[in-house]
């Protein structure tokens, strides 16, 4: 379900997946999000200007989050298609290598997942 969060001029004032979809992709980092939101707002109102943003996030329990990530990759999902943004550019494989050698990390044991470096 989509919602509208408009200001008094009928323009969007809030970005979130429920109102706008995943405009910056799934789970963008802070720097990627900041750049992407600026571009998105400029394209919506045809106006290129400096904006102030307030970012709000919900912090999950770290242990539950780690186990959730292990179960995610254990099912065969990967982040291969995700964009890793660093210092205003895409990160290289040398900077952020995968922990698995083949197509996925399907059925990875918890021990191997924990020992990824």
PDB file of N, CA and C in Angstrom:
ATOM      1  N   UNK A   1       0.847  -1.174   0.000  1.00  0.00           N
ATOM      2  CA  UNK A   1       0.000   0.000   0.000  1.00  0.00           C
ATOM      3  C   UNK A   1       0.895   1.240   0.000  1.00  0.00           C
ATOM      4  N   UNK A   2       0.591   2.162  -0.875  1.00  0.00           N
ATOM      5  CA  UNK A   2       1.362   3.401  -0.961  1.00  0.00           C
ATOM      6  C   UNK A   2       0.636   4.503  -0.188  1.00  0.00           C
ATOM      7  N   UNK A   3       1.397   5.414   0.362  1.00  0.00           N
ATOM      8  CA  UNK A   3       0.810   6.557   1.058  1.00  0.00           C
ATOM      9  C   UNK A   3       1.337   7.835   0.431  1.00  0.00           C
ATOM     10  N   UNK A   4       0.684   8.928   0.706  1.00  0.00           N
ATOM     11  CA  UNK A   4       1.159  10.218   0.234  1.00  0.00           C
ATOM     12  C   UNK A   4       1.552  11.054   1.443  1.00  0.00           C
ATOM     13  N   UNK A   5       2.746  11.586   1.403  1.00  0.00           N
ATOM     14  CA  UNK A   5       3.220  12.490   2.454  1.00  0.00           C
ATOM     15  C   UNK A   5       3.584  13.793   1.766  1.00  0.00           C
ATOM     16  N   UNK A   6       2.603  14.670   1.619  1.00  0.00           N
ATOM     17  CA  UNK A   6       2.793  15.903   0.862  1.00  0.00           C
ATOM     18  C   UNK A   6       2.844  17.112   1.786  1.00  0.00           C
ATOM     19  N   UNK A   7       3.591  18.130   1.362  1.00  0.00           N
ATOM     20  CA  UNK A   7       3.609  19.385   2.113  1.00  0.00           C
ATOM     21  C   UNK A   7       2.457  20.267   1.631  1.00  0.00           C
ATOM     22  N   UNK A   8       2.393  21.494   2.116  1.00  0.00           N
ATOM     23  CA  UNK A   8       1.267  22.372   1.761  1.00  0.00           C
ATOM     24  C   UNK A   8       1.265  22.763   0.284  1.00  0.00           C
ATOM     25  N   UNK A   9       2.376  22.540  -0.420  1.00  0.00           N
ATOM     26  CA  UNK A   9       2.456  22.832  -1.853  1.00  0.00           C
ATOM     27  C   UNK A   9       2.169  21.589  -2.706  1.00  0.00           C
ATOM     28  N   UNK A  10       1.782  20.488  -2.050  1.00  0.00           N
ATOM     29  CA  UNK A  10       1.480  19.257  -2.777  1.00  0.00           C
ATOM     30  C   UNK A  10       2.713  18.484  -3.208  1.00  0.00           C
ATOM     31  N   UNK A  11       3.855  18.771  -2.585  1.00  0.00           N
ATOM     32  CA  UNK A  11       5.098  18.089  -2.927  1.00  0.00           C
ATOM     33  C   UNK A  11       5.450  17.067  -1.847  1.00  0.00           C
ATOM     34  N   UNK A  12       6.118  15.979  -2.267  1.00  0.00           N
ATOM     35  CA  UNK A  12       6.597  14.995  -1.294  1.00  0.00           C
ATOM     36  C   UNK A  12       7.574  15.658  -0.341  1.00  0.00           C
ATOM     37  N   UNK A  13       7.487  15.312   0.918  1.00  0.00           N
ATOM     38  CA  UNK A  13       8.436  15.832   1.895  1.00  0.00           C
ATOM     39  C   UNK A  13       9.129  14.705   2.648  1.00  0.00           C
ATOM     40  N   UNK A  14       8.684  13.473   2.425  1.00  0.00           N
ATOM     41  CA  UNK A  14       9.262  12.341   3.133  1.00  0.00           C
ATOM     42  C   UNK A  14       9.521  11.209   2.151  1.00  0.00           C
ATOM     43  N   UNK A  15      10.642  10.548   2.329  1.00  0.00           N
ATOM     44  CA  UNK A  15      10.991   9.406   1.489  1.00  0.00           C
ATOM     45  C   UNK A  15      11.025   8.167   2.366  1.00  0.00           C
ATOM     46  N   UNK A  16      10.254   7.174   1.997  1.00  0.00           N
ATOM     47  CA  UNK A  16      10.340   5.857   2.627  1.00  0.00           C
ATOM     48  C   UNK A  16       9.739   4.848   1.673  1.00  0.00           C
ATOM     49  N   UNK A  17       9.968   3.592   1.920  1.00  0.00           N
ATOM     50  CA  UNK A  17       9.550   2.558   0.967  1.00  0.00           C
ATOM     51  C   UNK A  17       8.034   2.473   0.817  1.00  0.00           C
ATOM     52  N   UNK A  18       7.293   2.904   1.824  1.00  0.00           N
ATOM     53  CA  UNK A  18       5.836   2.834   1.739  1.00  0.00           C
ATOM     54  C   UNK A  18       5.262   3.946   0.867  1.00  0.00           C
ATOM     55  N   UNK A  19       5.944   5.077   0.792  1.00  0.00           N
ATOM     56  CA  UNK A  19       5.459   6.209  -0.005  1.00  0.00           C
ATOM     57  C   UNK A  19       6.039   6.219  -1.413  1.00  0.00           C
ATOM     58  N   UNK A  20       7.299   5.898  -1.530  1.00  0.00           N
ATOM     59  CA  UNK A  20       7.981   6.087  -2.805  1.00  0.00           C
ATOM     60  C   UNK A  20       8.580   4.812  -3.380  1.00  0.00           C
ATOM     61  N   UNK A  21       8.465   3.703  -2.688  1.00  0.00           N
ATOM     62  CA  UNK A  21       9.148   2.495  -3.127  1.00  0.00           C
ATOM     63  C   UNK A  21      10.616   2.559  -2.716  1.00  0.00           C
ATOM     64  N   UNK A  22      11.409   1.696  -3.296  1.00  0.00           N
ATOM     65  CA  UNK A  22      12.835   1.624  -2.945  1.00  0.00           C
ATOM     66  C   UNK A  22      13.623   2.519  -3.898  1.00  0.00           C
ATOM     67  N   UNK A  23      13.498   3.830  -3.778  1.00  0.00           N
ATOM     68  CA  UNK A  23      14.112   4.739  -4.745  1.00  0.00           C
ATOM     69  C   UNK A  23      15.632   4.662  -4.753  1.00  0.00           C
ATOM     70  N   UNK A  24      16.240   4.233  -3.670  1.00  0.00           N
ATOM     71  CA  UNK A  24      17.707   4.148  -3.586  1.00  0.00           C
ATOM     72  C   UNK A  24      18.179   2.702  -3.557  1.00  0.00           C
ATOM     73  N   UNK A  25      17.294   1.774  -3.918  1.00  0.00           N
ATOM     74  CA  UNK A  25      17.649   0.362  -3.845  1.00  0.00           C
ATOM     75  C   UNK A  25      17.403  -0.164  -2.440  1.00  0.00           C
ATOM     76  N   UNK A  26      17.629  -1.437  -2.283  1.00  0.00           N
ATOM     77  CA  UNK A  26      17.387  -2.104  -1.009  1.00  0.00           C
ATOM     78  C   UNK A  26      18.580  -1.906  -0.076  1.00  0.00           C
ATOM     79  N   UNK A  27      18.350  -1.448   1.119  1.00  0.00           N
ATOM     80  CA  UNK A  27      19.378  -1.257   2.148  1.00  0.00           C
ATOM     81  C   UNK A  27      20.555  -0.397   1.702  1.00  0.00           C
ATOM     82  N   UNK A  28      20.313   0.818   1.224  1.00  0.00           N
ATOM     83  CA  UNK A  28      21.449   1.666   0.835  1.00  0.00           C
ATOM     84  C   UNK A  28      22.218   2.136   2.072  1.00  0.00           C
ATOM     85  N   UNK A  29      23.504   2.340   1.895  1.00  0.00           N
ATOM     86  CA  UNK A  29      24.309   2.920   2.962  1.00  0.00           C
ATOM     87  C   UNK A  29      23.997   4.403   3.090  1.00  0.00           C
ATOM     88  N   UNK A  30      24.493   5.009   4.150  1.00  0.00           N
ATOM     89  CA  UNK A  30      24.181   6.415   4.411  1.00  0.00           C
ATOM     90  C   UNK A  30      24.613   7.325   3.268  1.00  0.00           C
ATOM     91  N   UNK A  31      25.840   7.169   2.772  1.00  0.00           N
ATOM     92  CA  UNK A  31      26.339   8.048   1.716  1.00  0.00           C
ATOM     93  C   UNK A  31      25.543   7.863   0.423  1.00  0.00           C
ATOM     94  N   UNK A  32      25.219   6.617   0.100  1.00  0.00           N
ATOM     95  CA  UNK A  32      24.422   6.356  -1.097  1.00  0.00           C
ATOM     96  C   UNK A  32      23.022   6.940  -0.939  1.00  0.00           C
ATOM     97  N   UNK A  33      22.443   6.770   0.229  1.00  0.00           N
ATOM     98  CA  UNK A  33      21.103   7.291   0.499  1.00  0.00           C
ATOM     99  C   UNK A  33      21.079   8.813   0.381  1.00  0.00           C
ATOM    100  N   UNK A  34      22.055   9.447   0.953  1.00  0.00           N
ATOM    101  CA  UNK A  34      22.108  10.907   0.926  1.00  0.00           C
ATOM    102  C   UNK A  34      22.172  11.432  -0.508  1.00  0.00           C
ATOM    103  N   UNK A  35      23.019  10.835  -1.316  1.00  0.00           N
ATOM    104  CA  UNK A  35      23.169  11.245  -2.713  1.00  0.00           C
ATOM    105  C   UNK A  35      21.900  10.943  -3.511  1.00  0.00           C
ATOM    106  N   UNK A  36      21.356   9.767  -3.316  1.00  0.00           N
ATOM    107  CA  UNK A  36      20.184   9.319  -4.064  1.00  0.00           C
ATOM    108  C   UNK A  36      18.954  10.165  -3.744  1.00  0.00           C
ATOM    109  N   UNK A  37      18.734  10.469  -2.481  1.00  0.00           N
ATOM    110  CA  UNK A  37      17.566  11.259  -2.077  1.00  0.00           C
ATOM    111  C   UNK A  37      17.636  12.654  -2.688  1.00  0.00           C
ATOM    112  N   UNK A  38      18.819  13.249  -2.699  1.00  0.00           N
ATOM    113  CA  UNK A  38      18.994  14.563  -3.323  1.00  0.00           C
ATOM    114  C   UNK A  38      18.605  14.525  -4.801  1.00  0.00           C
ATOM    115  N   UNK A  39      19.107  13.525  -5.514  1.00  0.00           N
ATOM    116  CA  UNK A  39      18.783  13.394  -6.941  1.00  0.00           C
ATOM    117  C   UNK A  39      17.292  13.170  -7.146  1.00  0.00           C
ATOM    118  N   UNK A  40      16.692  12.345  -6.295  1.00  0.00           N
ATOM    119  CA  UNK A  40      15.270  12.032  -6.433  1.00  0.00           C
ATOM    120  C   UNK A  40      14.419  13.286  -6.223  1.00  0.00           C
ATOM    121  N   UNK A  41      14.683  14.040  -5.150  1.00  0.00           N
ATOM    122  CA  UNK A  41      13.907  15.258  -4.904  1.00  0.00           C
ATOM    123  C   UNK A  41      14.085  16.261  -6.034  1.00  0.00           C
ATOM    124  N   UNK A  42      15.309  16.422  -6.525  1.00  0.00           N
ATOM    125  CA  UNK A  42      15.549  17.359  -7.634  1.00  0.00           C
ATOM    126  C   UNK A  42      14.758  16.961  -8.868  1.00  0.00           C
ATOM    127  N   UNK A  43      14.651  15.666  -9.127  1.00  0.00           N
ATOM    128  CA  UNK A  43      13.903  15.209 -10.307  1.00  0.00           C
ATOM    129  C   UNK A  43      12.395  15.373 -10.127  1.00  0.00           C
ATOM    130  N   UNK A  44      11.916  15.330  -8.894  1.00  0.00           N
ATOM    131  CA  UNK A  44      10.479  15.442  -8.632  1.00  0.00           C
ATOM    132  C   UNK A  44       9.966  16.866  -8.785  1.00  0.00           C
ATOM    133  N   UNK A  45      10.753  17.826  -8.379  1.00  0.00           N
ATOM    134  CA  UNK A  45      10.285  19.212  -8.377  1.00  0.00           C
ATOM    135  C   UNK A  45      11.006  20.074  -9.411  1.00  0.00           C
ATOM    136  N   UNK A  46      11.855  19.450 -10.223  1.00  0.00           N
ATOM    137  CA  UNK A  46      12.609  20.182 -11.252  1.00  0.00           C
ATOM    138  C   UNK A  46      13.327  21.389 -10.663  1.00  0.00           C
ATOM    139  N   UNK A  47      13.921  21.179  -9.538  1.00  0.00           N
ATOM    140  CA  UNK A  47      14.566  22.280  -8.833  1.00  0.00           C
ATOM    141  C   UNK A  47      15.836  21.753  -8.175  1.00  0.00           C
ATOM    142  N   UNK A  48      16.960  22.314  -8.545  1.00  0.00           N
ATOM    143  CA  UNK A  48      18.232  21.889  -7.978  1.00  0.00           C
ATOM    144  C   UNK A  48      18.645  22.888  -6.902  1.00  0.00           C
ATOM    145  N   UNK A  49      18.561  22.487  -5.643  1.00  0.00           N
ATOM    146  CA  UNK A  49      18.917  23.389  -4.547  1.00  0.00           C
ATOM    147  C   UNK A  49      19.450  22.571  -3.374  1.00  0.00           C
ATOM    148  N   UNK A  50      20.038  23.254  -2.438  1.00  0.00           N
ATOM    149  CA  UNK A  50      20.534  22.599  -1.233  1.00  0.00           C
ATOM    150  C   UNK A  50      19.360  22.310  -0.304  1.00  0.00           C
ATOM    151  N   UNK A  51      19.316  21.099   0.210  1.00  0.00           N
ATOM    152  CA  UNK A  51      18.242  20.705   1.123  1.00  0.00           C
ATOM    153  C   UNK A  51      18.843  20.192   2.426  1.00  0.00           C
ATOM    154  N   UNK A  52      18.086  20.300   3.480  1.00  0.00           N
ATOM    155  CA  UNK A  52      18.465  19.718   4.765  1.00  0.00           C
ATOM    156  C   UNK A  52      17.639  18.456   4.966  1.00  0.00           C
ATOM    157  N   UNK A  53      18.273  17.408   5.456  1.00  0.00           N
ATOM    158  CA  UNK A  53      17.578  16.141   5.673  1.00  0.00           C
ATOM    159  C   UNK A  53      17.725  15.696   7.117  1.00  0.00           C
ATOM    160  N   UNK A  54      16.722  14.999   7.586  1.00  0.00           N
ATOM    161  CA  UNK A  54      16.766  14.337   8.876  1.00  0.00           C
ATOM    162  C   UNK A  54      16.550  12.859   8.596  1.00  0.00           C
ATOM    163  N   UNK A  55      17.537  12.040   8.916  1.00  0.00           N
ATOM    164  CA  UNK A  55      17.439  10.607   8.679  1.00  0.00           C
ATOM    165  C   UNK A  55      17.058   9.919   9.980  1.00  0.00           C
ATOM    166  N   UNK A  56      16.085   9.033   9.900  1.00  0.00           N
ATOM    167  CA  UNK A  56      15.614   8.287  11.056  1.00  0.00           C
ATOM    168  C   UNK A  56      15.698   6.810  10.708  1.00  0.00           C
ATOM    169  N   UNK A  57      16.143   6.013  11.646  1.00  0.00           N
ATOM    170  CA  UNK A  57      16.211   4.576  11.402  1.00  0.00           C
ATOM    171  C   UNK A  57      15.777   3.825  12.654  1.00  0.00           C
ATOM    172  N   UNK A  58      15.394   2.590  12.461  1.00  0.00           N
ATOM    173  CA  UNK A  58      15.057   1.708  13.572  1.00  0.00           C
ATOM    174  C   UNK A  58      16.211   0.723  13.710  1.00  0.00           C
ATOM    175  N   UNK A  59      16.775   0.626  14.882  1.00  0.00           N
ATOM    176  CA  UNK A  59      17.893  -0.275  15.126  1.00  0.00           C
ATOM    177  C   UNK A  59      17.342  -1.602  15.641  1.00  0.00           C
ATOM    178  N   UNK A  60      17.689  -2.675  14.931  1.00  0.00           N
ATOM    179  CA  UNK A  60      17.249  -4.002  15.351  1.00  0.00           C
ATOM    180  C   UNK A  60      18.207  -4.577  16.386  1.00  0.00           C
ATOM    181  N   UNK A  61      17.715  -5.551  17.118  1.00  0.00           N
ATOM    182  CA  UNK A  61      18.570  -6.286  18.042  1.00  0.00           C
ATOM    183  C   UNK A  61      19.724  -6.889  17.240  1.00  0.00           C
ATOM    184  N   UNK A  62      20.978  -6.611  17.596  1.00  0.00           N
ATOM    185  CA  UNK A  62      22.104  -7.054  16.768  1.00  0.00           C
ATOM    186  C   UNK A  62      22.214  -8.568  16.619  1.00  0.00           C
ATOM    187  N   UNK A  63      21.906  -9.319  17.662  1.00  0.00           N
ATOM    188  CA  UNK A  63      21.993 -10.781  17.563  1.00  0.00           C
ATOM    189  C   UNK A  63      20.911 -11.301  16.625  1.00  0.00           C
ATOM    190  N   UNK A  64      19.690 -10.810  16.778  1.00  0.00           N
ATOM    191  CA  UNK A  64      18.597 -11.223  15.887  1.00  0.00           C
ATOM    192  C   UNK A  64      18.916 -10.835  14.445  1.00  0.00           C
ATOM    193  N   UNK A  65      19.511  -9.672  14.240  1.00  0.00           N
ATOM    194  CA  UNK A  65      19.876  -9.214  12.892  1.00  0.00           C
ATOM    195  C   UNK A  65      20.937 -10.117  12.280  1.00  0.00           C
ATOM    196  N   UNK A  66      21.935 -10.512  13.053  1.00  0.00           N
ATOM    197  CA  UNK A  66      23.007 -11.377  12.562  1.00  0.00           C
ATOM    198  C   UNK A  66      22.457 -12.751  12.181  1.00  0.00           C
ATOM    199  N   UNK A  67      21.610 -13.309  13.026  1.00  0.00           N
ATOM    200  CA  UNK A  67      21.001 -14.615  12.728  1.00  0.00           C
ATOM    201  C   UNK A  67      20.106 -14.510  11.498  1.00  0.00           C
ATOM    202  N   UNK A  68      19.366 -13.434  11.371  1.00  0.00           N
ATOM    203  CA  UNK A  68      18.525 -13.213  10.195  1.00  0.00           C
ATOM    204  C   UNK A  68      19.366 -13.174   8.919  1.00  0.00           C
ATOM    205  N   UNK A  69      20.514 -12.517   8.975  1.00  0.00           N
ATOM    206  CA  UNK A  69      21.408 -12.447   7.813  1.00  0.00           C
ATOM    207  C   UNK A  69      21.953 -13.831   7.466  1.00  0.00           C
ATOM    208  N   UNK A  70      22.328 -14.615   8.471  1.00  0.00           N
ATOM    209  CA  UNK A  70      22.809 -15.982   8.237  1.00  0.00           C
ATOM    210  C   UNK A  70      21.712 -16.817   7.562  1.00  0.00           C
ATOM    211  N   UNK A  71      20.496 -16.746   8.065  1.00  0.00           N
ATOM    212  CA  UNK A  71      19.394 -17.502   7.462  1.00  0.00           C
ATOM    213  C   UNK A  71      19.120 -17.034   6.033  1.00  0.00           C
ATOM    214  N   UNK A  72      19.294 -15.757   5.776  1.00  0.00           N
ATOM    215  CA  UNK A  72      19.100 -15.191   4.435  1.00  0.00           C
ATOM    216  C   UNK A  72      20.076 -15.821   3.439  1.00  0.00           C
ATOM    217  N   UNK A  73      21.355 -15.835   3.776  1.00  0.00           N
ATOM    218  CA  UNK A  73      22.342 -16.404   2.841  1.00  0.00           C
ATOM    219  C   UNK A  73      22.276 -17.922   2.827  1.00  0.00           C
ATOM    220  N   UNK A  74      21.892 -18.529   3.917  1.00  0.00           N
ATOM    221  CA  UNK A  74      21.766 -19.991   3.978  1.00  0.00           C
ATOM    222  C   UNK A  74      20.684 -20.495   3.011  1.00  0.00           C
ATOM    223  N   UNK A  75      19.665 -19.664   2.780  1.00  0.00           N
ATOM    224  CA  UNK A  75      18.608 -20.021   1.818  1.00  0.00           C
ATOM    225  C   UNK A  75      19.093 -19.883   0.378  1.00  0.00           C
ATOM    226  N   UNK A  76      20.284 -19.323   0.194  1.00  0.00           N
ATOM    227  CA  UNK A  76      20.828 -19.172  -1.154  1.00  0.00           C
ATOM    228  C   UNK A  76      20.806 -17.750  -1.668  1.00  0.00           C
ATOM    229  N   UNK A  77      20.316 -16.842  -0.871  1.00  0.00           N
ATOM    230  CA  UNK A  77      20.303 -15.439  -1.288  1.00  0.00           C
ATOM    231  C   UNK A  77      21.696 -14.844  -1.116  1.00  0.00           C
ATOM    232  N   UNK A  78      22.007 -13.879  -1.953  1.00  0.00           N
ATOM    233  CA  UNK A  78      23.300 -13.194  -1.833  1.00  0.00           C
ATOM    234  C   UNK A  78      23.059 -11.701  -1.980  1.00  0.00           C
ATOM    235  N   UNK A  79      24.098 -10.958  -1.789  1.00  0.00           N
ATOM    236  CA  UNK A  79      24.055  -9.515  -2.007  1.00  0.00           C
ATOM    237  C   UNK A  79      24.870  -9.165  -3.242  1.00  0.00           C
ATOM    238  N   UNK A  80      25.071 -10.141  -4.146  1.00  0.00           N
ATOM    239  CA  UNK A  80      25.913  -9.916  -5.330  1.00  0.00           C
ATOM    240  C   UNK A  80      25.422  -8.763  -6.190  1.00  0.00           C
ATOM    241  N   UNK A  81      24.118  -8.597  -6.276  1.00  0.00           N
ATOM    242  CA  UNK A  81      23.559  -7.542  -7.127  1.00  0.00           C
ATOM    243  C   UNK A  81      23.463  -6.199  -6.402  1.00  0.00           C
ATOM    244  N   UNK A  82      23.779  -6.199  -5.112  1.00  0.00           N
ATOM    245  CA  UNK A  82      23.701  -4.957  -4.349  1.00  0.00           C
ATOM    246  C   UNK A  82      24.886  -4.061  -4.664  1.00  0.00           C
ATOM    247  N   UNK A  83      24.628  -2.792  -4.603  1.00  0.00           N
ATOM    248  CA  UNK A  83      25.672  -1.806  -4.860  1.00  0.00           C
ATOM    249  C   UNK A  83      26.300  -1.410  -3.530  1.00  0.00           C
ATOM    250  N   UNK A  84      27.603  -1.553  -3.432  1.00  0.00           N
ATOM    251  CA  UNK A  84      28.320  -1.126  -2.239  1.00  0.00           C
ATOM    252  C   UNK A  84      29.028   0.173  -2.561  1.00  0.00           C
ATOM    253  N   UNK A  85      28.612   1.206  -1.891  1.00  0.00           N
ATOM    254  CA  UNK A  85      29.056   2.559  -2.182  1.00  0.00           C
ATOM    255  C   UNK A  85      30.051   2.991  -1.111  1.00  0.00           C
ATOM    256  N   UNK A  86      31.191   3.528  -1.532  1.00  0.00           N
ATOM    257  CA  UNK A  86      32.223   3.907  -0.582  1.00  0.00           C
ATOM    258  C   UNK A  86      32.967   5.132  -1.087  1.00  0.00           C
ATOM    259  N   UNK A  87      33.017   6.182  -0.285  1.00  0.00           N
ATOM    260  CA  UNK A  87      33.790   7.369  -0.645  1.00  0.00           C
ATOM    261  C   UNK A  87      33.330   7.997  -1.961  1.00  0.00           C
ATOM    262  N   UNK A  88      32.023   7.979  -2.224  1.00  0.00           N
ATOM    263  CA  UNK A  88      31.494   8.584  -3.441  1.00  0.00           C
ATOM    264  C   UNK A  88      31.644   7.745  -4.690  1.00  0.00           C
ATOM    265  N   UNK A  89      31.972   6.476  -4.534  1.00  0.00           N
ATOM    266  CA  UNK A  89      32.162   5.594  -5.693  1.00  0.00           C
ATOM    267  C   UNK A  89      31.763   4.174  -5.307  1.00  0.00           C
ATOM    268  N   UNK A  90      31.621   3.311  -6.318  1.00  0.00           N
ATOM    269  CA  UNK A  90      31.342   1.907  -6.043  1.00  0.00           C
ATOM    270  C   UNK A  90      32.582   1.252  -5.439  1.00  0.00           C
ATOM    271  N   UNK A  91      32.381   0.443  -4.402  1.00  0.00           N
ATOM    272  CA  UNK A  91      33.492  -0.286  -3.789  1.00  0.00           C
ATOM    273  C   UNK A  91      33.964  -1.383  -4.741  1.00  0.00           C
ATOM    274  N   UNK A  92      35.229  -1.725  -4.662  1.00  0.00           N
ATOM    275  CA  UNK A  92      35.791  -2.782  -5.511  1.00  0.00           C
ATOM    276  C   UNK A  92      35.706  -4.123  -4.796  1.00  0.00           C
ATOM    277  N   UNK A  93      35.863  -5.204  -5.543  1.00  0.00           N
ATOM    278  CA  UNK A  93      35.869  -6.545  -4.954  1.00  0.00           C
ATOM    279  C   UNK A  93      37.077  -6.734  -4.036  1.00  0.00           C
ATOM    280  N   UNK A  94      38.155  -6.026  -4.283  1.00  0.00           N
ATOM    281  CA  UNK A  94      39.318  -6.113  -3.400  1.00  0.00           C
ATOM    282  C   UNK A  94      38.999  -5.489  -2.034  1.00  0.00           C
ATOM    283  N   UNK A  95      38.178  -4.464  -2.034  1.00  0.00           N
ATOM    284  CA  UNK A  95      37.810  -3.801  -0.779  1.00  0.00           C
ATOM    285  C   UNK A  95      36.750  -4.578  -0.007  1.00  0.00           C
ATOM    286  N   UNK A  96      35.838  -5.200  -0.738  1.00  0.00           N
ATOM    287  CA  UNK A  96      34.732  -5.924  -0.105  1.00  0.00           C
ATOM    288  C   UNK A  96      34.564  -7.282  -0.803  1.00  0.00           C
ATOM    289  N   UNK A  97      35.458  -8.234  -0.529  1.00  0.00           N
ATOM    290  CA  UNK A  97      35.364  -9.535  -1.201  1.00  0.00           C
ATOM    291  C   UNK A  97      34.225 -10.384  -0.628  1.00  0.00           C
ATOM    292  N   UNK A  98      33.747 -11.334  -1.439  1.00  0.00           N
ATOM    293  CA  UNK A  98      32.736 -12.277  -0.965  1.00  0.00           C
ATOM    294  C   UNK A  98      33.398 -13.313  -0.061  1.00  0.00           C
ATOM    295  N   UNK A  99      32.619 -13.918   0.819  1.00  0.00           N
ATOM    296  CA  UNK A  99      33.130 -14.986   1.680  1.00  0.00           C
ATOM    297  C   UNK A  99      32.921 -16.358   1.046  1.00  0.00           C
ATOM    298  N   UNK A 100      32.241 -16.419  -0.072  1.00  0.00           N
ATOM    299  CA  UNK A 100      31.981 -17.705  -0.717  1.00  0.00           C
ATOM    300  C   UNK A 100      32.679 -17.746  -2.066  1.00  0.00           C
ATOM    301  N   UNK A 101      33.007 -18.970  -2.508  1.00  0.00           N
ATOM    302  CA  UNK A 101      33.787 -19.127  -3.736  1.00  0.00           C
ATOM    303  C   UNK A 101      32.926 -19.374  -4.966  1.00  0.00           C
ATOM    304  N   UNK A 102      31.735 -19.903  -4.786  1.00  0.00           N
ATOM    305  CA  UNK A 102      30.918 -20.289  -5.929  1.00  0.00           C
ATOM    306  C   UNK A 102      29.730 -19.345  -6.076  1.00  0.00           C
ATOM    307  N   UNK A 103      28.664 -19.794  -6.699  1.00  0.00           N
ATOM    308  CA  UNK A 103      27.518 -18.936  -6.980  1.00  0.00           C
ATOM    309  C   UNK A 103      26.791 -18.388  -5.769  1.00  0.00           C
ATOM    310  N   UNK A 104      26.781 -19.144  -4.687  1.00  0.00           N
ATOM    311  CA  UNK A 104      26.093 -18.665  -3.484  1.00  0.00           C
ATOM    312  C   UNK A 104      26.696 -19.339  -2.262  1.00  0.00           C
ATOM    313  N   UNK A 105      26.146 -19.024  -1.138  1.00  0.00           N
ATOM    314  CA  UNK A 105      26.586 -19.589   0.138  1.00  0.00           C
ATOM    315  C   UNK A 105      25.471 -20.454   0.710  1.00  0.00           C
ATOM    316  N   UNK A 106      24.693 -21.051  -0.186  1.00  0.00           N
ATOM    317  CA  UNK A 106      23.541 -21.860   0.217  1.00  0.00           C
ATOM    318  C   UNK A 106      23.980 -22.987   1.156  1.00  0.00           C
ATOM    319  N   UNK A 107      23.212 -23.198   2.193  1.00  0.00           N
ATOM    320  CA  UNK A 107      23.447 -24.234   3.208  1.00  0.00           C
ATOM    321  C   UNK A 107      24.704 -23.985   4.039  1.00  0.00           C
ATOM    322  N   UNK A 108      25.175 -22.759   4.101  1.00  0.00           N
ATOM    323  CA  UNK A 108      26.368 -22.452   4.898  1.00  0.00           C
ATOM    324  C   UNK A 108      26.097 -22.747   6.372  1.00  0.00           C
ATOM    325  N   UNK A 109      27.070 -23.344   7.038  1.00  0.00           N
ATOM    326  CA  UNK A 109      26.921 -23.604   8.474  1.00  0.00           C
ATOM    327  C   UNK A 109      27.072 -22.287   9.235  1.00  0.00           C
ATOM    328  N   UNK A 110      26.524 -22.267  10.432  1.00  0.00           N
ATOM    329  CA  UNK A 110      26.648 -21.061  11.250  1.00  0.00           C
ATOM    330  C   UNK A 110      28.118 -20.780  11.550  1.00  0.00           C
ATOM    331  N   UNK A 111      28.892 -21.839  11.794  1.00  0.00           N
ATOM    332  CA  UNK A 111      30.323 -21.678  12.092  1.00  0.00           C
ATOM    333  C   UNK A 111      31.064 -21.015  10.930  1.00  0.00           C
ATOM    334  N   UNK A 112      30.819 -21.470   9.703  1.00  0.00           N
ATOM    335  CA  UNK A 112      31.476 -20.855   8.541  1.00  0.00           C
ATOM    336  C   UNK A 112      31.024 -19.408   8.344  1.00  0.00           C
ATOM    337  N   UNK A 113      29.754 -19.159   8.585  1.00  0.00           N
ATOM    338  CA  UNK A 113      29.238 -17.797   8.441  1.00  0.00           C
ATOM    339  C   UNK A 113      29.905 -16.859   9.450  1.00  0.00           C
ATOM    340  N   UNK A 114      30.012 -17.309  10.683  1.00  0.00           N
ATOM    341  CA  UNK A 114      30.624 -16.502  11.737  1.00  0.00           C
ATOM    342  C   UNK A 114      32.101 -16.251  11.444  1.00  0.00           C
ATOM    343  N   UNK A 115      32.771 -17.210  10.827  1.00  0.00           N
ATOM    344  CA  UNK A 115      34.208 -17.093  10.573  1.00  0.00           C
ATOM    345  C   UNK A 115      34.552 -16.344   9.298  1.00  0.00           C
ATOM    346  N   UNK A 116      33.566 -15.811   8.602  1.00  0.00           N
ATOM    347  CA  UNK A 116      33.837 -15.013   7.410  1.00  0.00           C
ATOM    348  C   UNK A 116      34.650 -13.794   7.821  1.00  0.00           C
ATOM    349  N   UNK A 117      35.699 -13.512   7.061  1.00  0.00           N
ATOM    350  CA  UNK A 117      36.504 -12.328   7.430  1.00  0.00           C
ATOM    351  C   UNK A 117      36.575 -11.351   6.285  1.00  0.00           C
TER     352      UNK A 117
END
